[in-house]
Amino acid sequence: MTKIVYEIVEHNGGWAYKLDDVFSETFDTKEQATAAADDVAARQQVSGGDETIQYQDEDGIWRVEDEAGDDRPDVEIRDGSK
């Protein structure tokens, strides 16, 4: 199972959540950033229908895969400001 970790951090004079090196918008308070991350994490758990996806791998080869709509990631929110 895939694991996604959102981290709550200080950013641009406010607070944001980030995934790897990508930041969300900046929020005025840590509580607002945490609430937004909670919302995003909840949306990660919503199942969908089965889909066929196409993507280009790191070697430039196009791949086609069938993905189950109920294969949801494990999501964690961490306080990265400590």
C-alpha atoms as a PDB file:
ATOM      1  CA  MET A   1       0.000   0.000   0.000  1.00  0.00           C
ATOM      2  CA  THR A   2       1.176   3.491  -0.802  1.00  0.00           C
ATOM      3  CA  LYS A   3       1.792   5.848   2.108  1.00  0.00           C
ATOM      4  CA  ILE A   4       1.369   9.616   1.791  1.00  0.00           C
ATOM      5  CA  VAL A   5       2.725  11.926   4.505  1.00  0.00           C
ATOM      6  CA  TYR A   6       1.615  15.549   4.658  1.00  0.00           C
ATOM      7  CA  GLU A   7       3.803  17.707   6.869  1.00  0.00           C
ATOM      8  CA  ILE A   8       2.633  20.936   8.570  1.00  0.00           C
ATOM      9  CA  VAL A   9       5.409  23.554   8.277  1.00  0.00           C
ATOM     10  CA  GLU A  10       6.063  27.282   8.495  1.00  0.00           C
ATOM     11  CA  HIS A  11       6.069  28.741   4.988  1.00  0.00           C
ATOM     12  CA  ASN A  12       6.141  32.248   3.460  1.00  0.00           C
ATOM     13  CA  GLY A  13       5.312  34.005   6.712  1.00  0.00           C
ATOM     14  CA  GLY A  14       2.489  31.616   7.572  1.00  0.00           C
ATOM     15  CA  TRP A  15       1.770  27.895   7.608  1.00  0.00           C
ATOM     16  CA  ALA A  16       1.352  25.247   4.930  1.00  0.00           C
ATOM     17  CA  TYR A  17       1.171  21.528   4.480  1.00  0.00           C
ATOM     18  CA  LYS A  18       3.583  19.877   2.111  1.00  0.00           C
ATOM     19  CA  LEU A  19       4.057  16.571   0.364  1.00  0.00           C
ATOM     20  CA  ASP A  20       7.711  15.867  -0.345  1.00  0.00           C
ATOM     21  CA  ASP A  21       8.961  19.224  -1.731  1.00  0.00           C
ATOM     22  CA  VAL A  22       5.573  20.596  -2.838  1.00  0.00           C
ATOM     23  CA  PHE A  23       3.844  23.174  -0.615  1.00  0.00           C
ATOM     24  CA  SER A  24       0.168  24.020  -0.349  1.00  0.00           C
ATOM     25  CA  GLU A  25      -1.024  27.579  -0.327  1.00  0.00           C
ATOM     26  CA  THR A  26       0.043  29.567   2.729  1.00  0.00           C
ATOM     27  CA  PHE A  27      -2.416  29.821   5.626  1.00  0.00           C
ATOM     28  CA  ASP A  28      -2.426  32.438   8.384  1.00  0.00           C
ATOM     29  CA  THR A  29      -2.405  29.905  11.204  1.00  0.00           C
ATOM     30  CA  LYS A  30      -1.076  26.445  11.906  1.00  0.00           C
ATOM     31  CA  GLU A  31      -4.627  25.350  12.742  1.00  0.00           C
ATOM     32  CA  GLN A  32      -5.882  26.417   9.298  1.00  0.00           C
ATOM     33  CA  ALA A  33      -3.058  24.534   7.569  1.00  0.00           C
ATOM     34  CA  THR A  34      -3.784  21.439   9.661  1.00  0.00           C
ATOM     35  CA  ALA A  35      -7.512  21.624   8.866  1.00  0.00           C
ATOM     36  CA  ALA A  36      -6.724  21.908   5.149  1.00  0.00           C
ATOM     37  CA  ALA A  37      -4.366  18.919   5.353  1.00  0.00           C
ATOM     38  CA  ASP A  38      -7.065  16.946   7.193  1.00  0.00           C
ATOM     39  CA  ASP A  39      -9.484  17.743   4.359  1.00  0.00           C
ATOM     40  CA  VAL A  40      -7.000  16.640   1.701  1.00  0.00           C
ATOM     41  CA  ALA A  41      -6.242  13.446   3.638  1.00  0.00           C
ATOM     42  CA  ALA A  42      -9.960  12.652   3.887  1.00  0.00           C
ATOM     43  CA  ARG A  43     -10.367  13.111   0.138  1.00  0.00           C
ATOM     44  CA  GLN A  44      -7.556  10.592  -0.412  1.00  0.00           C
ATOM     45  CA  GLN A  45      -9.788   7.973   1.205  1.00  0.00           C
ATOM     46  CA  VAL A  46     -12.748   8.424  -1.152  1.00  0.00           C
ATOM     47  CA  SER A  47     -13.103   5.386  -3.393  1.00  0.00           C
ATOM     48  CA  GLY A  48     -13.849   5.671  -7.062  1.00  0.00           C
ATOM     49  CA  GLY A  49     -14.526   3.356  -9.947  1.00  0.00           C
ATOM     50  CA  ASP A  50     -11.958   1.113 -11.557  1.00  0.00           C
ATOM     51  CA  GLU A  51      -9.943   2.950 -14.226  1.00  0.00           C
ATOM     52  CA  THR A  52      -7.404   2.236 -16.921  1.00  0.00           C
ATOM     53  CA  ILE A  53      -4.495   4.659 -16.609  1.00  0.00           C
ATOM     54  CA  GLN A  54      -1.636   5.545 -18.929  1.00  0.00           C
ATOM     55  CA  TYR A  55       1.647   7.016 -17.768  1.00  0.00           C
ATOM     56  CA  GLN A  56       5.229   7.417 -18.893  1.00  0.00           C
ATOM     57  CA  ASP A  57       7.762   5.730 -16.626  1.00  0.00           C
ATOM     58  CA  GLU A  58      11.222   7.037 -15.683  1.00  0.00           C
ATOM     59  CA  ASP A  59      12.705   5.350 -18.803  1.00  0.00           C
ATOM     60  CA  GLY A  60      10.271   7.148 -21.130  1.00  0.00           C
ATOM     61  CA  ILE A  61       8.218   4.022 -21.816  1.00  0.00           C
ATOM     62  CA  TRP A  62       4.437   4.422 -21.883  1.00  0.00           C
ATOM     63  CA  ARG A  63       2.580   2.007 -19.616  1.00  0.00           C
ATOM     64  CA  VAL A  64      -1.093   1.076 -19.409  1.00  0.00           C
ATOM     65  CA  GLU A  65      -2.495  -0.367 -16.173  1.00  0.00           C
ATOM     66  CA  ASP A  66      -5.889  -1.175 -14.732  1.00  0.00           C
ATOM     67  CA  GLU A  67      -6.313   0.337 -11.265  1.00  0.00           C
ATOM     68  CA  ALA A  68      -8.930  -0.564  -8.694  1.00  0.00           C
ATOM     69  CA  GLY A  69     -10.903   2.431  -7.436  1.00  0.00           C
ATOM     70  CA  ASP A  70     -10.836   1.095  -3.890  1.00  0.00           C
ATOM     71  CA  ASP A  71      -7.021   0.936  -3.678  1.00  0.00           C
ATOM     72  CA  ARG A  72      -6.544   3.942  -1.386  1.00  0.00           C
ATOM     73  CA  PRO A  73      -3.270   5.117   0.173  1.00  0.00           C
ATOM     74  CA  ASP A  74      -2.426   5.216   3.856  1.00  0.00           C
ATOM     75  CA  VAL A  75      -2.330   8.936   4.765  1.00  0.00           C
ATOM     76  CA  GLU A  76      -0.550  10.556   7.708  1.00  0.00           C
ATOM     77  CA  ILE A  77      -0.280  14.191   8.816  1.00  0.00           C
ATOM     78  CA  ARG A  78       2.824  15.177  10.770  1.00  0.00           C
ATOM     79  CA  ASP A  79       3.738  18.357  12.604  1.00  0.00           C
ATOM     80  CA  GLY A  80       6.991  19.271  10.899  1.00  0.00           C
ATOM     81  CA  SER A  81       7.391  22.495  12.884  1.00  0.00           C
ATOM     82  CA  LYS A  82       8.766  20.757  15.970  1.00  0.00           C
END
